[in-house]
N, C-alpha and C. Protein backbone atom coordinates (compact mmCIF):
# COMPACT_ATOMS: atom_id res chain seq x y z
N MET A 1 -58.01 -9.73 4.09
CA MET A 1 -57.10 -8.60 4.16
C MET A 1 -56.36 -8.48 2.83
N ASP A 2 -56.37 -7.31 2.26
CA ASP A 2 -55.70 -7.06 0.98
C ASP A 2 -54.28 -6.57 1.25
N THR A 3 -53.37 -7.50 1.39
CA THR A 3 -51.97 -7.18 1.69
C THR A 3 -51.30 -6.54 0.49
N LYS A 4 -50.54 -5.48 0.75
CA LYS A 4 -49.72 -4.85 -0.28
C LYS A 4 -48.26 -5.21 -0.03
N VAL A 5 -47.53 -5.43 -1.11
CA VAL A 5 -46.11 -5.77 -1.03
C VAL A 5 -45.31 -4.57 -1.51
N LEU A 6 -44.54 -3.97 -0.59
CA LEU A 6 -43.65 -2.87 -0.94
C LEU A 6 -42.27 -3.47 -1.17
N TRP A 7 -41.81 -3.41 -2.40
CA TRP A 7 -40.55 -4.04 -2.82
C TRP A 7 -39.50 -2.94 -2.96
N PHE A 8 -38.70 -2.74 -1.92
CA PHE A 8 -37.65 -1.73 -1.93
C PHE A 8 -36.45 -2.27 -2.69
N THR A 9 -36.08 -1.63 -3.79
CA THR A 9 -34.96 -2.06 -4.61
C THR A 9 -33.98 -0.90 -4.77
N GLY A 10 -32.69 -1.21 -4.77
CA GLY A 10 -31.65 -0.21 -4.94
C GLY A 10 -30.32 -0.80 -4.53
N LEU A 11 -29.27 -0.07 -4.81
CA LEU A 11 -27.92 -0.53 -4.48
C LEU A 11 -27.73 -0.70 -2.98
N SER A 12 -26.73 -1.50 -2.63
CA SER A 12 -26.36 -1.64 -1.22
C SER A 12 -25.88 -0.28 -0.71
N GLY A 13 -26.48 0.18 0.38
CA GLY A 13 -26.13 1.48 0.93
C GLY A 13 -27.00 2.62 0.44
N SER A 14 -28.00 2.31 -0.38
CA SER A 14 -28.84 3.37 -0.95
C SER A 14 -29.86 3.93 0.04
N GLY A 15 -30.20 3.16 1.07
CA GLY A 15 -31.16 3.62 2.05
C GLY A 15 -32.44 2.81 2.10
N LYS A 16 -32.42 1.60 1.54
CA LYS A 16 -33.63 0.76 1.54
C LYS A 16 -34.09 0.47 2.96
N THR A 17 -33.20 -0.06 3.77
CA THR A 17 -33.55 -0.45 5.14
C THR A 17 -33.87 0.77 6.00
N THR A 18 -33.13 1.85 5.83
CA THR A 18 -33.37 3.07 6.60
C THR A 18 -34.79 3.58 6.34
N ASN A 19 -35.18 3.61 5.06
CA ASN A 19 -36.53 4.06 4.71
C ASN A 19 -37.58 3.06 5.18
N ALA A 20 -37.31 1.78 5.06
CA ALA A 20 -38.26 0.77 5.51
C ALA A 20 -38.47 0.85 7.02
N ASP A 21 -37.39 1.06 7.76
CA ASP A 21 -37.50 1.15 9.22
C ASP A 21 -38.36 2.34 9.65
N LEU A 22 -38.19 3.49 9.00
CA LEU A 22 -39.00 4.66 9.33
C LEU A 22 -40.45 4.43 8.91
N LEU A 23 -40.66 3.80 7.76
CA LEU A 23 -42.00 3.49 7.30
C LEU A 23 -42.71 2.57 8.31
N ILE A 24 -42.00 1.57 8.80
CA ILE A 24 -42.57 0.64 9.77
C ILE A 24 -43.02 1.39 11.02
N LYS A 25 -42.22 2.33 11.46
CA LYS A 25 -42.58 3.13 12.64
C LYS A 25 -43.90 3.88 12.37
N LYS A 26 -43.99 4.49 11.19
CA LYS A 26 -45.20 5.25 10.85
C LYS A 26 -46.41 4.33 10.68
N LEU A 27 -46.20 3.17 10.07
CA LEU A 27 -47.31 2.22 9.91
C LEU A 27 -47.81 1.75 11.27
N SER A 28 -46.89 1.49 12.18
CA SER A 28 -47.27 1.07 13.53
C SER A 28 -48.09 2.14 14.23
N GLU A 29 -47.68 3.39 14.07
CA GLU A 29 -48.42 4.51 14.68
C GLU A 29 -49.84 4.59 14.14
N LEU A 30 -50.03 4.16 12.90
CA LEU A 30 -51.35 4.20 12.26
C LEU A 30 -52.14 2.91 12.51
N GLY A 31 -51.57 2.00 13.27
CA GLY A 31 -52.26 0.76 13.58
C GLY A 31 -52.23 -0.26 12.45
N LYS A 32 -51.32 -0.10 11.53
CA LYS A 32 -51.20 -1.03 10.40
C LYS A 32 -50.24 -2.17 10.77
N THR A 33 -50.54 -3.35 10.25
CA THR A 33 -49.67 -4.49 10.50
C THR A 33 -48.74 -4.69 9.32
N TYR A 34 -47.58 -5.29 9.59
CA TYR A 34 -46.57 -5.46 8.55
C TYR A 34 -45.68 -6.65 8.87
N LYS A 35 -45.00 -7.10 7.85
CA LYS A 35 -43.95 -8.10 7.98
C LYS A 35 -42.78 -7.57 7.18
N LEU A 36 -41.61 -7.48 7.80
CA LEU A 36 -40.39 -7.05 7.13
C LEU A 36 -39.61 -8.28 6.70
N ILE A 37 -39.24 -8.32 5.43
CA ILE A 37 -38.39 -9.39 4.90
C ILE A 37 -37.17 -8.72 4.29
N GLU A 38 -36.03 -8.94 4.94
CA GLU A 38 -34.78 -8.31 4.51
C GLU A 38 -33.97 -9.26 3.65
N GLY A 39 -33.60 -8.79 2.48
CA GLY A 39 -32.81 -9.60 1.56
C GLY A 39 -31.52 -10.10 2.18
N ASP A 40 -30.84 -9.25 2.94
CA ASP A 40 -29.58 -9.65 3.57
C ASP A 40 -29.79 -10.78 4.57
N VAL A 41 -30.87 -10.71 5.32
CA VAL A 41 -31.16 -11.76 6.32
C VAL A 41 -31.47 -13.08 5.61
N VAL A 42 -32.26 -13.02 4.55
CA VAL A 42 -32.58 -14.23 3.79
C VAL A 42 -31.29 -14.85 3.24
N ARG A 43 -30.41 -14.00 2.73
CA ARG A 43 -29.15 -14.49 2.17
C ARG A 43 -28.27 -15.13 3.24
N LYS A 44 -28.27 -14.57 4.43
CA LYS A 44 -27.39 -15.08 5.50
C LYS A 44 -27.98 -16.26 6.25
N THR A 45 -29.26 -16.55 6.03
CA THR A 45 -29.91 -17.66 6.75
C THR A 45 -30.35 -18.74 5.77
N ILE A 46 -31.52 -18.57 5.22
CA ILE A 46 -32.09 -19.57 4.32
C ILE A 46 -31.17 -19.86 3.13
N ASN A 47 -30.59 -18.83 2.56
CA ASN A 47 -29.80 -18.98 1.34
C ASN A 47 -28.30 -18.75 1.56
N LYS A 48 -27.80 -19.15 2.72
CA LYS A 48 -26.38 -18.93 3.02
C LYS A 48 -25.46 -19.72 2.09
N HIS A 49 -26.00 -20.70 1.41
CA HIS A 49 -25.23 -21.51 0.47
C HIS A 49 -25.04 -20.80 -0.88
N LEU A 50 -25.75 -19.72 -1.11
CA LEU A 50 -25.69 -19.04 -2.41
C LEU A 50 -24.50 -18.10 -2.50
N GLY A 51 -24.01 -17.96 -3.72
CA GLY A 51 -22.97 -16.96 -3.99
C GLY A 51 -23.62 -15.71 -4.56
N PHE A 52 -22.85 -15.00 -5.39
CA PHE A 52 -23.36 -13.76 -5.95
C PHE A 52 -23.38 -13.77 -7.48
N SER A 53 -23.50 -14.95 -8.04
CA SER A 53 -23.67 -15.04 -9.49
C SER A 53 -25.06 -14.50 -9.82
N PRO A 54 -25.29 -14.07 -11.05
CA PRO A 54 -26.63 -13.63 -11.41
C PRO A 54 -27.70 -14.69 -11.11
N GLU A 55 -27.38 -15.95 -11.34
CA GLU A 55 -28.35 -17.02 -11.07
C GLU A 55 -28.65 -17.11 -9.58
N ASP A 56 -27.62 -17.00 -8.73
CA ASP A 56 -27.82 -17.06 -7.28
C ASP A 56 -28.61 -15.85 -6.78
N ILE A 57 -28.34 -14.70 -7.34
CA ILE A 57 -29.08 -13.48 -6.96
C ILE A 57 -30.56 -13.65 -7.32
N LYS A 58 -30.82 -14.17 -8.51
CA LYS A 58 -32.21 -14.39 -8.94
C LYS A 58 -32.90 -15.42 -8.05
N LEU A 59 -32.18 -16.47 -7.66
CA LEU A 59 -32.75 -17.48 -6.77
C LEU A 59 -33.09 -16.86 -5.40
N ASN A 60 -32.20 -16.02 -4.89
CA ASN A 60 -32.46 -15.35 -3.61
C ASN A 60 -33.72 -14.48 -3.73
N ASN A 61 -33.86 -13.79 -4.84
CA ASN A 61 -35.05 -12.95 -5.07
C ASN A 61 -36.31 -13.81 -5.13
N ARG A 62 -36.23 -14.98 -5.77
CA ARG A 62 -37.40 -15.87 -5.83
C ARG A 62 -37.78 -16.36 -4.43
N THR A 63 -36.77 -16.63 -3.61
CA THR A 63 -37.04 -17.04 -2.23
C THR A 63 -37.77 -15.93 -1.49
N ILE A 64 -37.36 -14.69 -1.70
CA ILE A 64 -37.99 -13.55 -1.03
C ILE A 64 -39.45 -13.42 -1.50
N VAL A 65 -39.70 -13.63 -2.78
CA VAL A 65 -41.08 -13.61 -3.28
C VAL A 65 -41.90 -14.68 -2.56
N GLU A 66 -41.34 -15.88 -2.42
CA GLU A 66 -42.05 -16.97 -1.74
C GLU A 66 -42.34 -16.61 -0.29
N LEU A 67 -41.38 -16.00 0.39
CA LEU A 67 -41.59 -15.59 1.78
C LEU A 67 -42.68 -14.53 1.87
N CYS A 68 -42.69 -13.61 0.92
CA CYS A 68 -43.74 -12.59 0.88
C CYS A 68 -45.10 -13.24 0.67
N GLU A 69 -45.16 -14.22 -0.23
CA GLU A 69 -46.43 -14.91 -0.51
C GLU A 69 -47.04 -15.51 0.76
N LYS A 70 -46.19 -16.03 1.63
CA LYS A 70 -46.67 -16.66 2.87
C LYS A 70 -47.32 -15.67 3.82
N GLU A 71 -47.06 -14.38 3.62
CA GLU A 71 -47.60 -13.35 4.52
C GLU A 71 -48.88 -12.70 3.98
N ILE A 72 -49.21 -13.00 2.73
CA ILE A 72 -50.41 -12.42 2.12
C ILE A 72 -51.64 -12.82 2.93
N GLY A 73 -52.45 -11.83 3.27
CA GLY A 73 -53.65 -12.07 4.04
C GLY A 73 -53.44 -12.05 5.55
N LYS A 74 -52.20 -12.02 5.98
CA LYS A 74 -51.89 -12.00 7.42
C LYS A 74 -51.62 -10.60 7.95
N VAL A 75 -51.11 -9.72 7.08
CA VAL A 75 -50.72 -8.37 7.47
C VAL A 75 -51.19 -7.38 6.41
N ASP A 76 -51.18 -6.10 6.77
CA ASP A 76 -51.55 -5.06 5.80
C ASP A 76 -50.46 -4.87 4.75
N PHE A 77 -49.20 -4.92 5.20
CA PHE A 77 -48.08 -4.66 4.30
C PHE A 77 -46.96 -5.67 4.52
N VAL A 78 -46.41 -6.16 3.41
CA VAL A 78 -45.16 -6.90 3.44
C VAL A 78 -44.12 -5.96 2.86
N ILE A 79 -43.06 -5.76 3.61
CA ILE A 79 -42.00 -4.85 3.19
C ILE A 79 -40.75 -5.67 2.92
N ALA A 80 -40.34 -5.71 1.66
CA ALA A 80 -39.15 -6.47 1.27
C ALA A 80 -38.05 -5.48 0.90
N THR A 81 -36.91 -5.59 1.57
CA THR A 81 -35.76 -4.75 1.24
C THR A 81 -34.72 -5.65 0.61
N VAL A 82 -34.50 -5.44 -0.67
CA VAL A 82 -33.62 -6.35 -1.42
C VAL A 82 -33.01 -5.58 -2.59
N VAL A 83 -31.72 -5.79 -2.85
CA VAL A 83 -31.07 -5.08 -3.95
C VAL A 83 -31.86 -5.32 -5.24
N SER A 84 -32.19 -6.57 -5.50
CA SER A 84 -33.01 -6.94 -6.65
C SER A 84 -32.54 -6.21 -7.93
N PRO A 85 -31.32 -6.51 -8.37
CA PRO A 85 -30.74 -5.73 -9.46
C PRO A 85 -31.26 -6.04 -10.86
N PHE A 86 -31.97 -7.16 -10.99
CA PHE A 86 -32.37 -7.58 -12.33
C PHE A 86 -33.86 -7.37 -12.58
N LYS A 87 -34.15 -6.77 -13.73
CA LYS A 87 -35.53 -6.51 -14.13
C LYS A 87 -36.35 -7.79 -14.08
N GLU A 88 -35.78 -8.88 -14.52
CA GLU A 88 -36.47 -10.17 -14.56
C GLU A 88 -37.01 -10.55 -13.17
N SER A 89 -36.21 -10.36 -12.15
CA SER A 89 -36.63 -10.71 -10.78
C SER A 89 -37.75 -9.79 -10.29
N ARG A 90 -37.61 -8.50 -10.57
CA ARG A 90 -38.65 -7.55 -10.15
C ARG A 90 -39.95 -7.81 -10.90
N GLU A 91 -39.85 -8.18 -12.18
CA GLU A 91 -41.05 -8.49 -12.96
C GLU A 91 -41.72 -9.76 -12.44
N HIS A 92 -40.92 -10.72 -12.00
CA HIS A 92 -41.47 -11.94 -11.40
C HIS A 92 -42.29 -11.58 -10.15
N ALA A 93 -41.73 -10.70 -9.32
CA ALA A 93 -42.45 -10.26 -8.11
C ALA A 93 -43.73 -9.52 -8.50
N ARG A 94 -43.62 -8.65 -9.49
CA ARG A 94 -44.79 -7.88 -9.94
C ARG A 94 -45.88 -8.82 -10.47
N GLN A 95 -45.51 -9.80 -11.25
CA GLN A 95 -46.49 -10.74 -11.80
C GLN A 95 -47.10 -11.61 -10.70
N THR A 96 -46.31 -11.94 -9.69
CA THR A 96 -46.82 -12.76 -8.59
C THR A 96 -47.87 -12.01 -7.79
N PHE A 97 -47.60 -10.73 -7.49
CA PHE A 97 -48.47 -9.97 -6.59
C PHE A 97 -49.45 -9.05 -7.32
N LYS A 98 -49.27 -8.92 -8.64
CA LYS A 98 -50.16 -8.13 -9.48
C LYS A 98 -50.42 -6.73 -8.92
N GLU A 99 -51.70 -6.34 -8.73
CA GLU A 99 -52.00 -4.97 -8.28
C GLU A 99 -51.61 -4.73 -6.82
N SER A 100 -51.20 -5.76 -6.11
CA SER A 100 -50.76 -5.59 -4.72
C SER A 100 -49.28 -5.23 -4.63
N PHE A 101 -48.58 -5.22 -5.76
CA PHE A 101 -47.14 -4.96 -5.79
C PHE A 101 -46.87 -3.47 -5.94
N ILE A 102 -46.01 -2.95 -5.07
CA ILE A 102 -45.60 -1.55 -5.12
C ILE A 102 -44.08 -1.52 -5.13
N GLU A 103 -43.53 -1.13 -6.27
CA GLU A 103 -42.07 -1.06 -6.39
C GLU A 103 -41.59 0.29 -5.87
N VAL A 104 -40.65 0.25 -4.92
CA VAL A 104 -40.06 1.45 -4.35
C VAL A 104 -38.58 1.45 -4.76
N TYR A 105 -38.26 2.28 -5.74
CA TYR A 105 -36.88 2.37 -6.22
C TYR A 105 -36.13 3.39 -5.37
N VAL A 106 -35.15 2.90 -4.64
CA VAL A 106 -34.33 3.76 -3.79
C VAL A 106 -33.11 4.15 -4.63
N ASN A 107 -33.24 5.29 -5.28
CA ASN A 107 -32.27 5.77 -6.25
C ASN A 107 -31.13 6.50 -5.55
N CYS A 108 -29.95 5.95 -5.67
CA CYS A 108 -28.76 6.57 -5.09
C CYS A 108 -27.56 6.13 -5.93
N PRO A 109 -26.76 7.07 -6.42
CA PRO A 109 -25.63 6.69 -7.27
C PRO A 109 -24.60 5.85 -6.51
N TYR A 110 -23.92 5.00 -7.27
CA TYR A 110 -22.90 4.13 -6.67
C TYR A 110 -21.91 4.93 -5.82
N GLU A 111 -21.47 6.08 -6.31
CA GLU A 111 -20.46 6.88 -5.61
C GLU A 111 -20.94 7.26 -4.21
N GLU A 112 -22.20 7.62 -4.07
CA GLU A 112 -22.74 7.97 -2.75
C GLU A 112 -22.86 6.73 -1.87
N CYS A 113 -23.29 5.62 -2.45
CA CYS A 113 -23.36 4.37 -1.68
C CYS A 113 -21.97 3.96 -1.20
N ALA A 114 -20.97 4.13 -2.06
CA ALA A 114 -19.59 3.80 -1.68
C ALA A 114 -19.10 4.72 -0.56
N ARG A 115 -19.47 5.99 -0.62
CA ARG A 115 -19.07 6.93 0.42
C ARG A 115 -19.69 6.52 1.76
N ARG A 116 -20.94 6.14 1.73
CA ARG A 116 -21.62 5.71 2.96
C ARG A 116 -21.02 4.41 3.49
N ASN A 117 -20.74 3.47 2.58
CA ASN A 117 -20.08 2.20 2.89
C ASN A 117 -20.65 1.52 4.13
N VAL A 118 -21.97 1.49 4.21
CA VAL A 118 -22.69 1.03 5.40
C VAL A 118 -22.24 -0.36 5.85
N LYS A 119 -22.13 -1.29 4.94
CA LYS A 119 -21.80 -2.67 5.30
C LYS A 119 -20.33 -3.02 5.04
N GLY A 120 -19.56 -2.03 4.62
CA GLY A 120 -18.15 -2.29 4.34
C GLY A 120 -17.89 -2.99 3.02
N LEU A 121 -18.93 -3.18 2.21
CA LEU A 121 -18.78 -3.90 0.95
C LEU A 121 -17.88 -3.14 -0.04
N HIS A 122 -17.99 -1.82 0.00
CA HIS A 122 -17.22 -1.01 -0.97
C HIS A 122 -15.73 -1.05 -0.63
N THR A 123 -15.40 -1.16 0.62
CA THR A 123 -14.01 -1.34 1.03
C THR A 123 -13.53 -2.72 0.59
N LYS A 124 -14.37 -3.73 0.78
CA LYS A 124 -14.00 -5.10 0.41
C LYS A 124 -13.78 -5.25 -1.08
N ILE A 125 -14.54 -4.52 -1.90
CA ILE A 125 -14.35 -4.61 -3.35
C ILE A 125 -13.02 -3.96 -3.74
N LYS A 126 -12.67 -2.86 -3.05
CA LYS A 126 -11.40 -2.18 -3.35
C LYS A 126 -10.19 -3.02 -2.95
N THR A 127 -10.31 -3.75 -1.85
CA THR A 127 -9.19 -4.58 -1.38
C THR A 127 -9.15 -5.94 -2.06
N GLY A 128 -10.18 -6.26 -2.81
CA GLY A 128 -10.23 -7.54 -3.50
C GLY A 128 -10.79 -8.67 -2.65
N GLU A 129 -11.23 -8.35 -1.45
CA GLU A 129 -11.81 -9.37 -0.56
C GLU A 129 -13.08 -9.97 -1.17
N ILE A 130 -13.85 -9.12 -1.87
CA ILE A 130 -14.95 -9.64 -2.67
C ILE A 130 -14.69 -9.22 -4.11
N LYS A 131 -15.13 -10.04 -5.03
CA LYS A 131 -14.80 -9.83 -6.45
C LYS A 131 -15.88 -9.12 -7.24
N LYS A 132 -17.13 -9.28 -6.82
CA LYS A 132 -18.24 -8.71 -7.58
C LYS A 132 -19.14 -7.93 -6.64
N LEU A 133 -19.57 -6.76 -7.11
CA LEU A 133 -20.49 -5.93 -6.33
C LEU A 133 -21.45 -5.24 -7.29
N ILE A 134 -22.71 -5.39 -7.00
CA ILE A 134 -23.73 -4.78 -7.86
C ILE A 134 -23.57 -3.27 -7.82
N GLY A 135 -23.51 -2.68 -8.99
CA GLY A 135 -23.33 -1.25 -9.12
C GLY A 135 -21.88 -0.89 -9.41
N PHE A 136 -20.97 -1.75 -9.00
CA PHE A 136 -19.54 -1.51 -9.25
C PHE A 136 -19.10 -2.26 -10.50
N ASN A 137 -19.17 -3.59 -10.46
CA ASN A 137 -18.78 -4.36 -11.65
C ASN A 137 -19.83 -5.40 -12.04
N VAL A 138 -20.99 -5.31 -11.43
CA VAL A 138 -22.17 -6.08 -11.85
C VAL A 138 -23.29 -5.06 -12.06
N ALA A 139 -23.90 -5.11 -13.22
CA ALA A 139 -24.90 -4.10 -13.58
C ALA A 139 -26.13 -4.16 -12.70
N TYR A 140 -26.65 -2.99 -12.37
CA TYR A 140 -27.95 -2.85 -11.72
C TYR A 140 -28.89 -2.30 -12.78
N GLU A 141 -29.92 -3.06 -13.10
CA GLU A 141 -30.89 -2.65 -14.12
C GLU A 141 -31.91 -1.73 -13.46
N VAL A 142 -31.83 -0.46 -13.76
CA VAL A 142 -32.67 0.56 -13.13
C VAL A 142 -34.14 0.35 -13.48
N PRO A 143 -35.03 0.37 -12.48
CA PRO A 143 -36.46 0.24 -12.77
C PRO A 143 -36.94 1.37 -13.69
N LYS A 144 -37.77 1.02 -14.65
CA LYS A 144 -38.26 2.01 -15.62
C LYS A 144 -39.49 2.75 -15.13
N SER A 145 -40.38 2.07 -14.41
CA SER A 145 -41.64 2.70 -13.98
C SER A 145 -42.02 2.28 -12.56
N PRO A 146 -41.16 2.59 -11.58
CA PRO A 146 -41.55 2.22 -10.22
C PRO A 146 -42.73 3.05 -9.76
N GLU A 147 -43.52 2.50 -8.86
CA GLU A 147 -44.63 3.27 -8.31
C GLU A 147 -44.11 4.44 -7.49
N ILE A 148 -42.99 4.23 -6.81
CA ILE A 148 -42.39 5.27 -5.97
C ILE A 148 -40.89 5.30 -6.26
N GLU A 149 -40.33 6.50 -6.43
CA GLU A 149 -38.88 6.65 -6.57
C GLU A 149 -38.40 7.62 -5.51
N LEU A 150 -37.40 7.17 -4.76
CA LEU A 150 -36.81 7.99 -3.71
C LEU A 150 -35.41 8.41 -4.14
N ASP A 151 -35.07 9.66 -3.97
CA ASP A 151 -33.74 10.18 -4.31
C ASP A 151 -32.98 10.39 -3.00
N THR A 152 -32.37 9.32 -2.51
CA THR A 152 -31.75 9.39 -1.18
C THR A 152 -30.41 10.12 -1.17
N ALA A 153 -29.88 10.43 -2.32
CA ALA A 153 -28.64 11.21 -2.37
C ALA A 153 -28.91 12.70 -2.17
N ASN A 154 -30.14 13.14 -2.52
CA ASN A 154 -30.44 14.57 -2.50
C ASN A 154 -31.58 14.96 -1.56
N GLU A 155 -32.26 13.98 -0.99
CA GLU A 155 -33.37 14.28 -0.10
C GLU A 155 -33.13 13.65 1.27
N GLU A 156 -33.63 14.32 2.29
CA GLU A 156 -33.53 13.81 3.66
C GLU A 156 -34.50 12.65 3.85
N ILE A 157 -34.25 11.85 4.86
CA ILE A 157 -35.06 10.66 5.13
C ILE A 157 -36.54 11.01 5.31
N GLU A 158 -36.85 12.09 5.99
CA GLU A 158 -38.26 12.46 6.17
C GLU A 158 -38.93 12.77 4.82
N GLN A 159 -38.18 13.42 3.92
CA GLN A 159 -38.73 13.72 2.60
C GLN A 159 -39.02 12.45 1.82
N THR A 160 -38.04 11.54 1.80
CA THR A 160 -38.23 10.31 1.03
C THR A 160 -39.35 9.47 1.64
N ASN A 161 -39.37 9.40 2.96
CA ASN A 161 -40.41 8.60 3.60
C ASN A 161 -41.79 9.21 3.40
N ASN A 162 -41.88 10.52 3.38
CA ASN A 162 -43.16 11.17 3.12
C ASN A 162 -43.69 10.84 1.72
N LYS A 163 -42.79 10.61 0.76
CA LYS A 163 -43.21 10.19 -0.58
C LYS A 163 -43.95 8.85 -0.51
N ILE A 164 -43.44 7.96 0.32
CA ILE A 164 -44.09 6.65 0.47
C ILE A 164 -45.45 6.82 1.13
N ILE A 165 -45.48 7.57 2.23
CA ILE A 165 -46.73 7.80 2.95
C ILE A 165 -47.75 8.48 2.04
N ASP A 166 -47.31 9.48 1.29
CA ASP A 166 -48.22 10.18 0.37
C ASP A 166 -48.78 9.22 -0.67
N TYR A 167 -47.93 8.37 -1.23
CA TYR A 167 -48.40 7.41 -2.23
C TYR A 167 -49.44 6.48 -1.62
N LEU A 168 -49.12 5.91 -0.46
CA LEU A 168 -50.04 4.98 0.19
C LEU A 168 -51.35 5.66 0.56
N THR A 169 -51.27 6.91 1.00
CA THR A 169 -52.47 7.68 1.34
C THR A 169 -53.31 7.93 0.09
N ASN A 170 -52.66 8.36 -0.99
CA ASN A 170 -53.38 8.64 -2.24
C ASN A 170 -54.03 7.39 -2.83
N GLN A 171 -53.47 6.23 -2.53
CA GLN A 171 -54.04 4.96 -3.00
C GLN A 171 -55.13 4.44 -2.06
N GLY A 172 -55.37 5.17 -0.97
CA GLY A 172 -56.39 4.77 -0.01
C GLY A 172 -55.98 3.59 0.86
N LEU A 173 -54.69 3.43 1.06
CA LEU A 173 -54.19 2.26 1.79
C LEU A 173 -53.90 2.51 3.27
N LEU A 174 -53.95 3.79 3.68
CA LEU A 174 -53.62 4.07 5.08
C LEU A 174 -54.81 4.49 5.93
N PHE A 175 -55.78 5.09 5.30
CA PHE A 175 -56.91 5.61 6.07
C PHE A 175 -58.20 5.07 5.49
N ASN A 176 -59.08 4.63 6.34
CA ASN A 176 -60.37 4.11 5.91
C ASN A 176 -61.33 5.29 5.74
N ALA A 177 -61.82 5.47 4.56
CA ALA A 177 -62.72 6.61 4.26
C ALA A 177 -64.04 6.52 5.03
N ASN A 178 -64.39 5.33 5.51
CA ASN A 178 -65.66 5.14 6.21
C ASN A 178 -65.58 5.51 7.69
N LYS A 179 -64.41 5.81 8.17
CA LYS A 179 -64.26 6.13 9.60
C LYS A 179 -64.54 7.57 9.87
């Protein structure tokens, strides 16, 4: 089985998980298998000892790459939702998975993510409860050439998700031409 790794990257609140959840529903309808690996879950379980220093963030990303590696050959798609703010970490994932790696940049400005405030992080940064937040006072290195870019500030979820489906279809990953 030629597993593809969809690496959803973007700020907290940008819509990574929302898009991944809808994609999973569509993949299931098409009979495709998948494994979802959520960066937040990895951080709260396996890597609960980590902080939010750049080194800790990179270590969390390496753990996610390792978890993805364990699923290669078991499912059609591994879907990783992770802020992954550093080019170095995304390049490590790309080099690990080579042509099986599909970077999905969930592009949403910090101001919109703060307005959504899905996890309450933006409130916590304002009150000083947390000191560092990617996109606010820790830089997010924007992907230069993602395979897919979603504009979640200006497009509806169906539009952004259709971009993913269209890409996967155009790559021959959803439908078997021999059927």
